[in-house]
Amino acid sequence: MSRSENKCFLYKGAVMEFDKCVCSYWEATTFAPSAVKAINNLAYRYKRDNNKVSNTKITLPGVIVEIA
């Protein structure tokens, strides 16, 4: 799938680690074919950028919107 088939998504909201709020506000964008894939991409990015191990449960309960 090429980048032109992907949509741009913006996430604004909290980050939960094992159901505990570790960041009250985080904002990020990603390109993905669907909102579900975008959430997975953003959770992976949060883990990578914050030195979390791969099996850390990260959930993003905030709002994700498609932009442009």
PDB file of N, CA and C in Angstrom:
ATOM      1  N   MET A   1       0.852  -1.179   0.000  1.00  0.00           N
ATOM      2  CA  MET A   1       0.000   0.000   0.000  1.00  0.00           C
ATOM      3  C   MET A   1       0.892   1.234   0.000  1.00  0.00           C
ATOM      4  N   SER A   2       0.645   2.132  -0.900  1.00  0.00           N
ATOM      5  CA  SER A   2       1.464   3.338  -0.991  1.00  0.00           C
ATOM      6  C   SER A   2       0.937   4.405  -0.041  1.00  0.00           C
ATOM      7  N   ARG A   3       1.790   5.379   0.195  1.00  0.00           N
ATOM      8  CA  ARG A   3       1.424   6.442   1.117  1.00  0.00           C
ATOM      9  C   ARG A   3       0.226   7.231   0.605  1.00  0.00           C
ATOM     10  N   SER A   4       0.052   7.295  -0.716  1.00  0.00           N
ATOM     11  CA  SER A   4      -1.067   8.049  -1.273  1.00  0.00           C
ATOM     12  C   SER A   4      -2.420   7.410  -0.935  1.00  0.00           C
ATOM     13  N   GLU A   5      -2.439   6.115  -0.627  1.00  0.00           N
ATOM     14  CA  GLU A   5      -3.676   5.441  -0.235  1.00  0.00           C
ATOM     15  C   GLU A   5      -3.977   5.617   1.254  1.00  0.00           C
ATOM     16  N   ASN A   6      -3.005   6.108   2.000  1.00  0.00           N
ATOM     17  CA  ASN A   6      -3.180   6.307   3.428  1.00  0.00           C
ATOM     18  C   ASN A   6      -3.796   7.670   3.707  1.00  0.00           C
ATOM     19  N   LYS A   7      -4.395   7.790   4.876  1.00  0.00           N
ATOM     20  CA  LYS A   7      -4.973   9.044   5.337  1.00  0.00           C
ATOM     21  C   LYS A   7      -4.132   9.536   6.506  1.00  0.00           C
ATOM     22  N   CYS A   8      -4.187  10.818   6.750  1.00  0.00           N
ATOM     23  CA  CYS A   8      -3.464  11.403   7.870  1.00  0.00           C
ATOM     24  C   CYS A   8      -4.408  11.489   9.075  1.00  0.00           C
ATOM     25  N   PHE A   9      -3.940  11.004  10.216  1.00  0.00           N
ATOM     26  CA  PHE A   9      -4.737  11.020  11.444  1.00  0.00           C
ATOM     27  C   PHE A   9      -4.011  11.803  12.522  1.00  0.00           C
ATOM     28  N   LEU A  10      -4.780  12.517  13.328  1.00  0.00           N
ATOM     29  CA  LEU A  10      -4.263  13.298  14.448  1.00  0.00           C
ATOM     30  C   LEU A  10      -4.854  12.742  15.739  1.00  0.00           C
ATOM     31  N   TYR A  11      -3.984  12.496  16.714  1.00  0.00           N
ATOM     32  CA  TYR A  11      -4.430  12.022  18.031  1.00  0.00           C
ATOM     33  C   TYR A  11      -4.153  13.102  19.059  1.00  0.00           C
ATOM     34  N   LYS A  12      -5.139  13.379  19.896  1.00  0.00           N
ATOM     35  CA  LYS A  12      -4.993  14.298  21.019  1.00  0.00           C
ATOM     36  C   LYS A  12      -5.635  13.643  22.228  1.00  0.00           C
ATOM     37  N   GLY A  13      -4.863  13.461  23.276  1.00  0.00           N
ATOM     38  CA  GLY A  13      -5.444  12.884  24.476  1.00  0.00           C
ATOM     39  C   GLY A  13      -4.405  12.249  25.381  1.00  0.00           C
ATOM     40  N   ALA A  14      -4.898  11.490  26.319  1.00  0.00           N
ATOM     41  CA  ALA A  14      -4.058  10.857  27.327  1.00  0.00           C
ATOM     42  C   ALA A  14      -3.407   9.590  26.785  1.00  0.00           C
ATOM     43  N   VAL A  15      -2.394   9.128  27.514  1.00  0.00           N
ATOM     44  CA  VAL A  15      -1.754   7.849  27.227  1.00  0.00           C
ATOM     45  C   VAL A  15      -1.839   7.015  28.495  1.00  0.00           C
ATOM     46  N   MET A  16      -2.375   5.802  28.346  1.00  0.00           N
ATOM     47  CA  MET A  16      -2.533   4.892  29.483  1.00  0.00           C
ATOM     48  C   MET A  16      -1.548   3.730  29.338  1.00  0.00           C
ATOM     49  N   GLU A  17      -0.863   3.415  30.429  1.00  0.00           N
ATOM     50  CA  GLU A  17       0.030   2.268  30.462  1.00  0.00           C
ATOM     51  C   GLU A  17      -0.519   1.309  31.508  1.00  0.00           C
ATOM     52  N   PHE A  18      -0.967   0.127  31.062  1.00  0.00           N
ATOM     53  CA  PHE A  18      -1.616  -0.852  31.942  1.00  0.00           C
ATOM     54  C   PHE A  18      -2.707  -0.185  32.771  1.00  0.00           C
ATOM     55  N   ASP A  19      -3.577   0.593  32.123  1.00  0.00           N
ATOM     56  CA  ASP A  19      -4.726   1.279  32.724  1.00  0.00           C
ATOM     57  C   ASP A  19      -4.355   2.353  33.743  1.00  0.00           C
ATOM     58  N   LYS A  20      -3.111   2.826  33.718  1.00  0.00           N
ATOM     59  CA  LYS A  20      -2.670   3.933  34.570  1.00  0.00           C
ATOM     60  C   LYS A  20      -2.249   5.073  33.656  1.00  0.00           C
ATOM     61  N   CYS A  21      -2.745   6.278  33.927  1.00  0.00           N
ATOM     62  CA  CYS A  21      -2.418   7.429  33.088  1.00  0.00           C
ATOM     63  C   CYS A  21      -0.955   7.825  33.308  1.00  0.00           C
ATOM     64  N   VAL A  22      -0.150   7.737  32.241  1.00  0.00           N
ATOM     65  CA  VAL A  22       1.263   8.106  32.332  1.00  0.00           C
ATOM     66  C   VAL A  22       1.543   9.438  31.638  1.00  0.00           C
ATOM     67  N   CYS A  23       0.581   9.909  30.864  1.00  0.00           N
ATOM     68  CA  CYS A  23       0.716  11.198  30.183  1.00  0.00           C
ATOM     69  C   CYS A  23      -0.694  11.756  30.015  1.00  0.00           C
ATOM     70  N   SER A  24      -0.958  12.900  30.610  1.00  0.00           N
ATOM     71  CA  SER A  24      -2.323  13.438  30.569  1.00  0.00           C
ATOM     72  C   SER A  24      -2.671  14.050  29.216  1.00  0.00           C
ATOM     73  N   TYR A  25      -1.662  14.479  28.449  1.00  0.00           N
ATOM     74  CA  TYR A  25      -1.942  15.025  27.123  1.00  0.00           C
ATOM     75  C   TYR A  25      -0.772  14.721  26.202  1.00  0.00           C
ATOM     76  N   TRP A  26      -1.073  14.066  25.090  1.00  0.00           N
ATOM     77  CA  TRP A  26      -0.079  13.745  24.066  1.00  0.00           C
ATOM     78  C   TRP A  26      -0.716  13.999  22.723  1.00  0.00           C
ATOM     79  N   GLU A  27       0.030  14.598  21.826  1.00  0.00           N
ATOM     80  CA  GLU A  27      -0.478  14.909  20.496  1.00  0.00           C
ATOM     81  C   GLU A  27       0.498  14.368  19.464  1.00  0.00           C
ATOM     82  N   ALA A  28      -0.031  13.656  18.454  1.00  0.00           N
ATOM     83  CA  ALA A  28       0.815  13.088  17.411  1.00  0.00           C
ATOM     84  C   ALA A  28      -0.007  12.845  16.159  1.00  0.00           C
ATOM     85  N   THR A  29       0.685  12.750  15.024  1.00  0.00           N
ATOM     86  CA  THR A  29       0.031  12.440  13.752  1.00  0.00           C
ATOM     87  C   THR A  29       0.692  11.225  13.126  1.00  0.00           C
ATOM     88  N   THR A  30      -0.058  10.551  12.254  1.00  0.00           N
ATOM     89  CA  THR A  30       0.461   9.399  11.529  1.00  0.00           C
ATOM     90  C   THR A  30      -0.333   9.215  10.245  1.00  0.00           C
ATOM     91  N   PHE A  31       0.264   8.488   9.316  1.00  0.00           N
ATOM     92  CA  PHE A  31      -0.420   8.091   8.095  1.00  0.00           C
ATOM     93  C   PHE A  31      -0.781   6.621   8.201  1.00  0.00           C
ATOM     94  N   ALA A  32      -2.046   6.288   7.894  1.00  0.00           N
ATOM     95  CA  ALA A  32      -2.509   4.903   7.967  1.00  0.00           C
ATOM     96  C   ALA A  32      -3.760   4.751   7.117  1.00  0.00           C
ATOM     97  N   PRO A  33      -4.075   3.508   6.718  1.00  0.00           N
ATOM     98  CA  PRO A  33      -5.274   3.289   5.905  1.00  0.00           C
ATOM     99  C   PRO A  33      -6.579   3.379   6.704  1.00  0.00           C
ATOM    100  N   SER A  34      -6.501   3.217   8.035  1.00  0.00           N
ATOM    101  CA  SER A  34      -7.706   3.272   8.871  1.00  0.00           C
ATOM    102  C   SER A  34      -7.361   3.842  10.238  1.00  0.00           C
ATOM    103  N   ALA A  35      -8.398   4.236  10.987  1.00  0.00           N
ATOM    104  CA  ALA A  35      -8.192   4.781  12.331  1.00  0.00           C
ATOM    105  C   ALA A  35      -7.627   3.725  13.283  1.00  0.00           C
ATOM    106  N   VAL A  36      -8.044   2.475  13.109  1.00  0.00           N
ATOM    107  CA  VAL A  36      -7.549   1.396  13.982  1.00  0.00           C
ATOM    108  C   VAL A  36      -6.044   1.210  13.792  1.00  0.00           C
ATOM    109  N   LYS A  37      -5.598   1.190  12.543  1.00  0.00           N
ATOM    110  CA  LYS A  37      -4.175   1.045  12.254  1.00  0.00           C
ATOM    111  C   LYS A  37      -3.410   2.272  12.747  1.00  0.00           C
ATOM    112  N   ALA A  38      -4.014   3.453  12.642  1.00  0.00           N
ATOM    113  CA  ALA A  38      -3.375   4.672  13.118  1.00  0.00           C
ATOM    114  C   ALA A  38      -3.138   4.604  14.628  1.00  0.00           C
ATOM    115  N   ILE A  39      -4.117   4.104  15.373  1.00  0.00           N
ATOM    116  CA  ILE A  39      -3.958   3.970  16.826  1.00  0.00           C
ATOM    117  C   ILE A  39      -2.828   3.004  17.152  1.00  0.00           C
ATOM    118  N   ASN A  40      -2.751   1.896  16.424  1.00  0.00           N
ATOM    119  CA  ASN A  40      -1.660   0.945  16.640  1.00  0.00           C
ATOM    120  C   ASN A  40      -0.302   1.583  16.332  1.00  0.00           C
ATOM    121  N   ASN A  41      -0.230   2.340  15.231  1.00  0.00           N
ATOM    122  CA  ASN A  41       1.012   3.029  14.882  1.00  0.00           C
ATOM    123  C   ASN A  41       1.433   4.010  15.974  1.00  0.00           C
ATOM    124  N   LEU A  42       0.464   4.755  16.494  1.00  0.00           N
ATOM    125  CA  LEU A  42       0.775   5.751  17.517  1.00  0.00           C
ATOM    126  C   LEU A  42       1.189   5.110  18.837  1.00  0.00           C
ATOM    127  N   ALA A  43       0.549   4.004  19.194  1.00  0.00           N
ATOM    128  CA  ALA A  43       0.947   3.300  20.424  1.00  0.00           C
ATOM    129  C   ALA A  43       2.383   2.791  20.289  1.00  0.00           C
ATOM    130  N   TYR A  44       2.716   2.251  19.115  1.00  0.00           N
ATOM    131  CA  TYR A  44       4.083   1.792  18.864  1.00  0.00           C
ATOM    132  C   TYR A  44       5.066   2.957  18.958  1.00  0.00           C
ATOM    133  N   ARG A  45       4.714   4.080  18.352  1.00  0.00           N
ATOM    134  CA  ARG A  45       5.595   5.248  18.401  1.00  0.00           C
ATOM    135  C   ARG A  45       5.809   5.723  19.831  1.00  0.00           C
ATOM    136  N   TYR A  46       4.738   5.745  20.635  1.00  0.00           N
ATOM    137  CA  TYR A  46       4.881   6.171  22.033  1.00  0.00           C
ATOM    138  C   TYR A  46       5.840   5.235  22.769  1.00  0.00           C
ATOM    139  N   LYS A  47       5.688   3.928  22.565  1.00  0.00           N
ATOM    140  CA  LYS A  47       6.587   2.962  23.204  1.00  0.00           C
ATOM    141  C   LYS A  47       8.037   3.211  22.784  1.00  0.00           C
ATOM    142  N   ARG A  48       8.256   3.371  21.487  1.00  0.00           N
ATOM    143  CA  ARG A  48       9.608   3.568  20.961  1.00  0.00           C
ATOM    144  C   ARG A  48      10.230   4.867  21.502  1.00  0.00           C
ATOM    145  N   ASP A  49       9.472   5.957  21.470  1.00  0.00           N
ATOM    146  CA  ASP A  49      10.002   7.253  21.883  1.00  0.00           C
ATOM    147  C   ASP A  49      10.210   7.361  23.388  1.00  0.00           C
ATOM    148  N   ASN A  50       9.533   6.519  24.154  1.00  0.00           N
ATOM    149  CA  ASN A  50       9.626   6.588  25.621  1.00  0.00           C
ATOM    150  C   ASN A  50      10.300   5.365  26.223  1.00  0.00           C
ATOM    151  N   ASN A  51      11.025   4.624  25.402  1.00  0.00           N
ATOM    152  CA  ASN A  51      11.826   3.480  25.857  1.00  0.00           C
ATOM    153  C   ASN A  51      11.030   2.438  26.632  1.00  0.00           C
ATOM    154  N   LYS A  52       9.865   2.104  26.107  1.00  0.00           N
ATOM    155  CA  LYS A  52       9.027   1.049  26.699  1.00  0.00           C
ATOM    156  C   LYS A  52       9.300  -0.265  25.969  1.00  0.00           C
ATOM    157  N   VAL A  53       9.211  -1.376  26.680  1.00  0.00           N
ATOM    158  CA  VAL A  53       9.392  -2.673  26.028  1.00  0.00           C
ATOM    159  C   VAL A  53       8.170  -2.975  25.159  1.00  0.00           C
ATOM    160  N   SER A  54       8.350  -3.861  24.191  1.00  0.00           N
ATOM    161  CA  SER A  54       7.300  -4.099  23.195  1.00  0.00           C
ATOM    162  C   SER A  54       6.011  -4.675  23.773  1.00  0.00           C
ATOM    163  N   ASN A  55       6.085  -5.407  24.880  1.00  0.00           N
ATOM    164  CA  ASN A  55       4.866  -5.995  25.439  1.00  0.00           C
ATOM    165  C   ASN A  55       4.175  -5.087  26.454  1.00  0.00           C
ATOM    166  N   THR A  56       4.589  -3.830  26.564  1.00  0.00           N
ATOM    167  CA  THR A  56       3.908  -2.861  27.421  1.00  0.00           C
ATOM    168  C   THR A  56       2.545  -2.549  26.815  1.00  0.00           C
ATOM    169  N   LYS A  57       1.496  -2.627  27.629  1.00  0.00           N
ATOM    170  CA  LYS A  57       0.139  -2.342  27.130  1.00  0.00           C
ATOM    171  C   LYS A  57      -0.087  -0.832  27.159  1.00  0.00           C
ATOM    172  N   ILE A  58      -0.148  -0.245  25.972  1.00  0.00           N
ATOM    173  CA  ILE A  58      -0.404   1.189  25.835  1.00  0.00           C
ATOM    174  C   ILE A  58      -1.765   1.357  25.173  1.00  0.00           C
ATOM    175  N   THR A  59      -2.633   2.149  25.794  1.00  0.00           N
ATOM    176  CA  THR A  59      -3.924   2.462  25.189  1.00  0.00           C
ATOM    177  C   THR A  59      -4.040   3.978  25.050  1.00  0.00           C
ATOM    178  N   LEU A  60      -4.769   4.375  24.019  1.00  0.00           N
ATOM    179  CA  LEU A  60      -4.949   5.794  23.715  1.00  0.00           C
ATOM    180  C   LEU A  60      -6.445   6.106  23.744  1.00  0.00           C
ATOM    181  N   PRO A  61      -6.958   6.552  24.903  1.00  0.00           N
ATOM    182  CA  PRO A  61      -8.398   6.765  25.044  1.00  0.00           C
ATOM    183  C   PRO A  61      -8.891   8.102  24.482  1.00  0.00           C
ATOM    184  N   GLY A  62      -8.001   8.921  23.985  1.00  0.00           N
ATOM    185  CA  GLY A  62      -8.390  10.236  23.475  1.00  0.00           C
ATOM    186  C   GLY A  62      -9.051  10.182  22.106  1.00  0.00           C
ATOM    187  N   VAL A  63      -9.109  11.317  21.474  1.00  0.00           N
ATOM    188  CA  VAL A  63      -9.796  11.471  20.189  1.00  0.00           C
ATOM    189  C   VAL A  63      -8.795  11.349  19.048  1.00  0.00           C
ATOM    190  N   ILE A  64      -9.128  10.530  18.046  1.00  0.00           N
ATOM    191  CA  ILE A  64      -8.345  10.444  16.829  1.00  0.00           C
ATOM    192  C   ILE A  64      -9.230  10.904  15.678  1.00  0.00           C
ATOM    193  N   VAL A  65      -8.706  11.859  14.901  1.00  0.00           N
ATOM    194  CA  VAL A  65      -9.489  12.403  13.794  1.00  0.00           C
ATOM    195  C   VAL A  65      -8.687  12.347  12.508  1.00  0.00           C
ATOM    196  N   GLU A  66      -9.395  12.164  11.407  1.00  0.00           N
ATOM    197  CA  GLU A  66      -8.756  12.188  10.100  1.00  0.00           C
ATOM    198  C   GLU A  66      -8.611  13.635   9.673  1.00  0.00           C
ATOM    199  N   ILE A  67      -7.406  14.006   9.236  1.00  0.00           N
ATOM    200  CA  ILE A  67      -7.178  15.362   8.770  1.00  0.00           C
ATOM    201  C   ILE A  67      -6.727  15.333   7.322  1.00  0.00           C
ATOM    202  N   ALA A  68      -7.020  16.384   6.618  1.00  0.00           N
ATOM    203  CA  ALA A  68      -6.666  16.572   5.194  1.00  0.00           C
ATOM    204  C   ALA A  68      -6.665  15.297   4.457  1.00  0.00           C
TER     205      ALA A  68
END
